[in-house]
N, C-alpha and C. Protein backbone atom coordinates (compact mmCIF):
# COMPACT_ATOMS: atom_id res chain seq x y z
N MET A 1 -13.66 -22.36 9.25
CA MET A 1 -13.35 -22.75 7.88
C MET A 1 -14.24 -23.93 7.49
N SER A 2 -14.67 -23.94 6.26
CA SER A 2 -15.52 -25.02 5.74
C SER A 2 -14.73 -26.30 5.55
N GLU A 3 -15.43 -27.40 5.63
CA GLU A 3 -14.87 -28.72 5.35
C GLU A 3 -14.45 -28.77 3.88
N THR A 4 -13.27 -29.34 3.61
CA THR A 4 -12.81 -29.49 2.23
C THR A 4 -12.51 -30.96 1.94
N ILE A 5 -12.26 -31.23 0.69
CA ILE A 5 -11.87 -32.58 0.28
C ILE A 5 -10.57 -32.99 0.99
N PHE A 6 -9.70 -32.02 1.30
CA PHE A 6 -8.44 -32.35 1.98
C PHE A 6 -8.69 -32.89 3.38
N HIS A 7 -9.70 -32.39 4.07
CA HIS A 7 -10.04 -32.92 5.39
C HIS A 7 -10.43 -34.40 5.26
N LYS A 8 -11.22 -34.71 4.25
CA LYS A 8 -11.67 -36.09 4.05
C LYS A 8 -10.50 -37.00 3.67
N ILE A 9 -9.56 -36.49 2.89
CA ILE A 9 -8.37 -37.27 2.54
C ILE A 9 -7.53 -37.52 3.79
N GLN A 10 -7.35 -36.48 4.59
CA GLN A 10 -6.56 -36.62 5.81
C GLN A 10 -7.17 -37.68 6.74
N ARG A 11 -8.49 -37.71 6.85
CA ARG A 11 -9.17 -38.69 7.70
C ARG A 11 -9.32 -40.06 7.02
N ARG A 12 -8.82 -40.18 5.80
CA ARG A 12 -8.86 -41.42 5.02
C ARG A 12 -10.29 -41.80 4.64
N GLU A 13 -11.17 -40.82 4.51
CA GLU A 13 -12.54 -41.06 4.06
C GLU A 13 -12.63 -41.11 2.54
N ILE A 14 -11.66 -40.52 1.89
CA ILE A 14 -11.54 -40.54 0.43
C ILE A 14 -10.16 -41.11 0.12
N PRO A 15 -10.08 -42.06 -0.81
CA PRO A 15 -8.76 -42.63 -1.12
C PRO A 15 -7.85 -41.61 -1.79
N ALA A 16 -6.58 -41.70 -1.45
CA ALA A 16 -5.55 -40.86 -2.07
C ALA A 16 -4.22 -41.58 -1.92
N ASP A 17 -3.31 -41.29 -2.83
CA ASP A 17 -1.97 -41.86 -2.76
C ASP A 17 -1.12 -40.95 -1.88
N ILE A 18 -1.20 -41.18 -0.57
CA ILE A 18 -0.46 -40.37 0.40
C ILE A 18 1.00 -40.81 0.39
N VAL A 19 1.89 -39.86 0.13
CA VAL A 19 3.31 -40.17 0.00
C VAL A 19 4.15 -39.66 1.17
N TYR A 20 3.55 -38.83 2.03
CA TYR A 20 4.28 -38.29 3.17
C TYR A 20 3.28 -37.82 4.22
N GLU A 21 3.64 -38.02 5.50
CA GLU A 21 2.83 -37.48 6.58
C GLU A 21 3.69 -37.35 7.82
N ASP A 22 3.49 -36.28 8.56
CA ASP A 22 4.08 -36.10 9.87
C ASP A 22 3.06 -35.41 10.76
N GLU A 23 3.46 -34.93 11.93
CA GLU A 23 2.49 -34.33 12.85
C GLU A 23 1.93 -33.00 12.37
N HIS A 24 2.60 -32.36 11.38
CA HIS A 24 2.20 -31.04 10.91
C HIS A 24 1.48 -31.03 9.56
N LEU A 25 1.75 -32.01 8.71
CA LEU A 25 1.24 -31.97 7.33
C LEU A 25 1.17 -33.35 6.73
N PHE A 26 0.51 -33.42 5.58
CA PHE A 26 0.49 -34.65 4.80
C PHE A 26 0.61 -34.27 3.33
N ALA A 27 1.00 -35.24 2.51
CA ALA A 27 1.19 -34.99 1.08
C ALA A 27 0.68 -36.18 0.28
N PHE A 28 0.08 -35.86 -0.86
CA PHE A 28 -0.47 -36.91 -1.71
C PHE A 28 -0.38 -36.50 -3.17
N ARG A 29 -0.39 -37.50 -4.04
CA ARG A 29 -0.32 -37.26 -5.49
C ARG A 29 -1.63 -36.62 -5.97
N ASP A 30 -1.49 -35.59 -6.81
CA ASP A 30 -2.65 -34.92 -7.38
C ASP A 30 -3.37 -35.87 -8.34
N ILE A 31 -4.69 -35.86 -8.31
CA ILE A 31 -5.46 -36.75 -9.20
C ILE A 31 -5.53 -36.24 -10.63
N ALA A 32 -5.16 -34.98 -10.86
CA ALA A 32 -5.12 -34.40 -12.21
C ALA A 32 -3.75 -33.74 -12.38
N PRO A 33 -2.69 -34.56 -12.49
CA PRO A 33 -1.34 -34.01 -12.48
C PRO A 33 -1.05 -33.09 -13.67
N GLN A 34 -0.31 -32.03 -13.36
CA GLN A 34 0.12 -31.06 -14.37
C GLN A 34 1.57 -31.28 -14.77
N ALA A 35 2.21 -32.30 -14.22
CA ALA A 35 3.59 -32.69 -14.53
C ALA A 35 3.71 -34.17 -14.16
N PRO A 36 4.77 -34.85 -14.62
CA PRO A 36 4.92 -36.26 -14.27
C PRO A 36 4.89 -36.51 -12.75
N VAL A 37 5.45 -35.58 -11.99
CA VAL A 37 5.34 -35.62 -10.53
C VAL A 37 4.53 -34.41 -10.12
N HIS A 38 3.41 -34.62 -9.44
CA HIS A 38 2.57 -33.52 -8.94
C HIS A 38 2.02 -33.96 -7.60
N VAL A 39 2.62 -33.44 -6.54
CA VAL A 39 2.26 -33.81 -5.18
C VAL A 39 1.76 -32.56 -4.45
N LEU A 40 0.68 -32.71 -3.70
CA LEU A 40 0.14 -31.61 -2.89
C LEU A 40 0.55 -31.80 -1.44
N PHE A 41 1.09 -30.75 -0.84
CA PHE A 41 1.48 -30.73 0.57
C PHE A 41 0.48 -29.85 1.31
N VAL A 42 -0.18 -30.43 2.31
CA VAL A 42 -1.30 -29.76 3.00
C VAL A 42 -1.02 -29.74 4.50
N PRO A 43 -1.12 -28.56 5.13
CA PRO A 43 -0.94 -28.53 6.58
C PRO A 43 -2.15 -29.11 7.29
N LYS A 44 -1.93 -29.63 8.46
CA LYS A 44 -3.04 -30.13 9.28
C LYS A 44 -3.73 -28.98 10.01
N GLN A 45 -3.08 -27.84 10.06
CA GLN A 45 -3.68 -26.64 10.63
C GLN A 45 -4.50 -25.97 9.52
N ASP A 46 -5.69 -25.49 9.84
CA ASP A 46 -6.60 -24.96 8.83
C ASP A 46 -6.42 -23.47 8.57
N PHE A 47 -6.17 -23.15 7.31
CA PHE A 47 -6.19 -21.78 6.79
C PHE A 47 -6.78 -21.86 5.39
N ALA A 48 -7.81 -21.10 5.11
CA ALA A 48 -8.47 -21.17 3.80
C ALA A 48 -7.55 -20.70 2.68
N THR A 49 -6.89 -19.56 2.87
CA THR A 49 -6.00 -19.00 1.84
C THR A 49 -4.70 -18.54 2.50
N LEU A 50 -3.73 -18.27 1.68
CA LEU A 50 -2.47 -17.75 2.19
C LEU A 50 -2.69 -16.43 2.93
N ASN A 51 -3.69 -15.66 2.50
CA ASN A 51 -4.02 -14.40 3.17
C ASN A 51 -4.45 -14.60 4.62
N ASP A 52 -4.89 -15.80 4.97
CA ASP A 52 -5.42 -16.08 6.29
C ASP A 52 -4.36 -16.57 7.28
N VAL A 53 -3.12 -16.72 6.82
CA VAL A 53 -2.06 -17.21 7.71
C VAL A 53 -1.50 -16.02 8.49
N PRO A 54 -1.70 -15.99 9.81
CA PRO A 54 -1.17 -14.87 10.59
C PRO A 54 0.35 -14.97 10.76
N ASP A 55 0.96 -13.86 11.06
CA ASP A 55 2.42 -13.82 11.23
C ASP A 55 2.91 -14.87 12.22
N ASP A 56 2.17 -15.09 13.29
CA ASP A 56 2.63 -16.04 14.30
C ASP A 56 2.47 -17.50 13.86
N SER A 57 1.94 -17.73 12.67
CA SER A 57 1.82 -19.08 12.12
C SER A 57 2.62 -19.25 10.83
N ALA A 58 3.54 -18.33 10.57
CA ALA A 58 4.32 -18.38 9.33
C ALA A 58 5.12 -19.67 9.18
N ALA A 59 5.45 -20.32 10.28
CA ALA A 59 6.21 -21.57 10.20
C ALA A 59 5.47 -22.65 9.41
N VAL A 60 4.16 -22.54 9.33
CA VAL A 60 3.36 -23.50 8.54
C VAL A 60 3.85 -23.52 7.09
N ILE A 61 4.08 -22.34 6.54
CA ILE A 61 4.53 -22.24 5.14
C ILE A 61 5.93 -22.82 4.98
N GLY A 62 6.79 -22.53 5.93
CA GLY A 62 8.15 -23.09 5.90
C GLY A 62 8.14 -24.60 5.96
N ARG A 63 7.28 -25.15 6.79
CA ARG A 63 7.19 -26.62 6.88
C ARG A 63 6.75 -27.24 5.56
N LEU A 64 5.79 -26.61 4.89
CA LEU A 64 5.36 -27.13 3.58
C LEU A 64 6.51 -27.13 2.60
N ALA A 65 7.24 -26.02 2.53
CA ALA A 65 8.34 -25.88 1.56
C ALA A 65 9.47 -26.86 1.87
N THR A 66 9.85 -26.98 3.14
CA THR A 66 10.97 -27.87 3.45
C THR A 66 10.57 -29.34 3.31
N ALA A 67 9.31 -29.67 3.59
CA ALA A 67 8.85 -31.05 3.35
C ALA A 67 8.89 -31.37 1.86
N ALA A 68 8.49 -30.43 1.03
CA ALA A 68 8.55 -30.63 -0.43
C ALA A 68 10.00 -30.82 -0.88
N ALA A 69 10.90 -30.03 -0.34
CA ALA A 69 12.32 -30.16 -0.70
C ALA A 69 12.88 -31.52 -0.27
N ARG A 70 12.54 -31.95 0.93
CA ARG A 70 12.99 -33.27 1.40
C ARG A 70 12.43 -34.38 0.52
N TYR A 71 11.15 -34.24 0.14
CA TYR A 71 10.54 -35.25 -0.73
C TYR A 71 11.25 -35.29 -2.08
N ALA A 72 11.52 -34.12 -2.65
CA ALA A 72 12.23 -34.06 -3.94
C ALA A 72 13.58 -34.75 -3.85
N LYS A 73 14.30 -34.51 -2.77
CA LYS A 73 15.60 -35.15 -2.59
C LYS A 73 15.44 -36.66 -2.43
N SER A 74 14.47 -37.09 -1.62
CA SER A 74 14.28 -38.52 -1.39
C SER A 74 13.88 -39.27 -2.65
N GLN A 75 13.22 -38.58 -3.58
CA GLN A 75 12.76 -39.21 -4.82
C GLN A 75 13.77 -39.08 -5.96
N GLY A 76 14.87 -38.36 -5.72
CA GLY A 76 15.96 -38.29 -6.68
C GLY A 76 15.84 -37.25 -7.77
N PHE A 77 14.94 -36.30 -7.65
CA PHE A 77 14.83 -35.29 -8.69
C PHE A 77 15.19 -33.87 -8.22
N SER A 78 15.72 -33.75 -7.02
CA SER A 78 16.04 -32.41 -6.52
C SER A 78 17.13 -31.73 -7.34
N GLU A 79 18.10 -32.48 -7.80
CA GLU A 79 19.19 -31.89 -8.58
C GLU A 79 18.73 -31.49 -9.99
N ASP A 80 17.81 -32.25 -10.57
CA ASP A 80 17.28 -31.90 -11.90
C ASP A 80 16.41 -30.66 -11.83
N GLY A 81 15.71 -30.50 -10.71
CA GLY A 81 14.88 -29.32 -10.51
C GLY A 81 13.42 -29.65 -10.33
N TYR A 82 12.74 -28.72 -9.68
CA TYR A 82 11.31 -28.85 -9.42
C TYR A 82 10.75 -27.47 -9.17
N ARG A 83 9.45 -27.39 -9.12
CA ARG A 83 8.77 -26.12 -8.86
C ARG A 83 7.80 -26.33 -7.71
N ILE A 84 7.71 -25.33 -6.83
CA ILE A 84 6.67 -25.33 -5.82
C ILE A 84 5.80 -24.10 -6.06
N VAL A 85 4.49 -24.28 -5.90
CA VAL A 85 3.52 -23.23 -6.20
C VAL A 85 2.45 -23.24 -5.12
N MET A 86 2.05 -22.04 -4.69
CA MET A 86 0.87 -21.89 -3.84
C MET A 86 -0.06 -20.92 -4.52
N ASN A 87 -1.29 -21.33 -4.75
CA ASN A 87 -2.30 -20.47 -5.36
C ASN A 87 -3.12 -19.80 -4.26
N CYS A 88 -3.55 -18.57 -4.51
CA CYS A 88 -4.33 -17.86 -3.51
C CYS A 88 -5.56 -17.21 -4.16
N ASN A 89 -6.73 -17.69 -3.75
CA ASN A 89 -8.03 -17.19 -4.22
C ASN A 89 -8.26 -17.48 -5.70
N GLY A 90 -9.42 -17.12 -6.18
CA GLY A 90 -9.87 -17.50 -7.52
C GLY A 90 -8.97 -17.06 -8.66
N ASP A 91 -8.59 -15.79 -8.70
CA ASP A 91 -7.74 -15.32 -9.79
C ASP A 91 -6.34 -15.94 -9.73
N GLY A 92 -5.95 -16.40 -8.56
CA GLY A 92 -4.66 -17.07 -8.40
C GLY A 92 -4.71 -18.54 -8.71
N GLY A 93 -5.89 -19.06 -9.03
CA GLY A 93 -6.04 -20.46 -9.41
C GLY A 93 -6.40 -21.41 -8.27
N GLN A 94 -6.69 -20.89 -7.09
CA GLN A 94 -7.04 -21.75 -5.96
C GLN A 94 -8.46 -22.29 -6.14
N THR A 95 -8.60 -23.61 -6.05
CA THR A 95 -9.92 -24.23 -6.18
C THR A 95 -10.36 -24.94 -4.91
N VAL A 96 -9.41 -25.35 -4.06
CA VAL A 96 -9.73 -25.92 -2.76
C VAL A 96 -9.27 -24.91 -1.72
N PHE A 97 -10.18 -24.49 -0.87
CA PHE A 97 -9.87 -23.41 0.06
C PHE A 97 -9.37 -23.94 1.40
N GLN A 98 -8.23 -24.58 1.31
CA GLN A 98 -7.35 -24.97 2.41
C GLN A 98 -5.97 -24.80 1.82
N ILE A 99 -5.11 -23.99 2.46
CA ILE A 99 -3.80 -23.75 1.84
C ILE A 99 -3.11 -25.08 1.56
N HIS A 100 -2.37 -25.09 0.48
CA HIS A 100 -1.60 -26.25 0.08
C HIS A 100 -0.53 -25.81 -0.90
N LEU A 101 0.50 -26.60 -0.98
CA LEU A 101 1.63 -26.33 -1.86
C LEU A 101 1.69 -27.42 -2.92
N HIS A 102 1.85 -27.02 -4.16
CA HIS A 102 2.02 -27.97 -5.26
C HIS A 102 3.51 -28.16 -5.52
N LEU A 103 3.94 -29.41 -5.60
CA LEU A 103 5.30 -29.75 -6.02
C LEU A 103 5.18 -30.36 -7.41
N LEU A 104 5.83 -29.75 -8.38
CA LEU A 104 5.80 -30.21 -9.77
C LEU A 104 7.21 -30.54 -10.23
N ALA A 105 7.37 -31.69 -10.87
CA ALA A 105 8.70 -32.12 -11.30
C ALA A 105 8.58 -33.25 -12.32
N GLY A 106 9.73 -33.76 -12.73
CA GLY A 106 9.77 -34.93 -13.59
C GLY A 106 9.94 -34.64 -15.06
N ALA A 107 9.97 -33.36 -15.43
CA ALA A 107 10.17 -32.95 -16.83
C ALA A 107 10.52 -31.46 -16.81
N PRO A 108 11.17 -30.96 -17.87
CA PRO A 108 11.39 -29.52 -17.93
C PRO A 108 10.04 -28.79 -17.88
N LEU A 109 9.92 -27.82 -17.00
CA LEU A 109 8.64 -27.15 -16.78
C LEU A 109 8.50 -25.84 -17.57
N GLY A 110 9.56 -25.38 -18.16
CA GLY A 110 9.45 -24.17 -18.96
C GLY A 110 9.33 -22.92 -18.11
N ARG A 111 9.14 -21.81 -18.77
CA ARG A 111 9.03 -20.52 -18.09
C ARG A 111 7.71 -20.42 -17.36
N PHE A 112 7.71 -19.65 -16.30
CA PHE A 112 6.54 -19.49 -15.46
C PHE A 112 6.05 -18.07 -15.57
N GLY A 113 4.74 -17.86 -15.50
CA GLY A 113 4.20 -16.52 -15.46
C GLY A 113 3.39 -16.10 -16.67
N THR A 114 3.17 -16.99 -17.59
CA THR A 114 2.35 -16.66 -18.76
C THR A 114 0.88 -16.69 -18.34
N PRO A 115 0.14 -15.62 -18.59
CA PRO A 115 -1.28 -15.63 -18.22
C PRO A 115 -2.03 -16.77 -18.89
N GLY A 116 -2.94 -17.38 -18.13
CA GLY A 116 -3.71 -18.52 -18.65
C GLY A 116 -4.94 -18.02 -19.24
């Protein structure tokens, strides 16, 4: 897999507002937020797209989702609601080719699924 900006953020070569980290993943605020709260959760294990995650590594996706849920609860907006999104490849909106989960919250997000 090619080096991405996420690798540089993880190594602290590029500044980022890192809000969570454990042995499996790290999370930081998006620099171009699409909601008042927009945090990216990135695994430390490398997979370019969701299509590249083998069945025996499915726990990676679960860890991203549960870390996002814990973060939402710790920040006090879990009861109001939030959205998690994973983009896959170009038509799916993926621009950095290292899987990651977007956590969006902090305002009503409206209906999902309208073509852009």
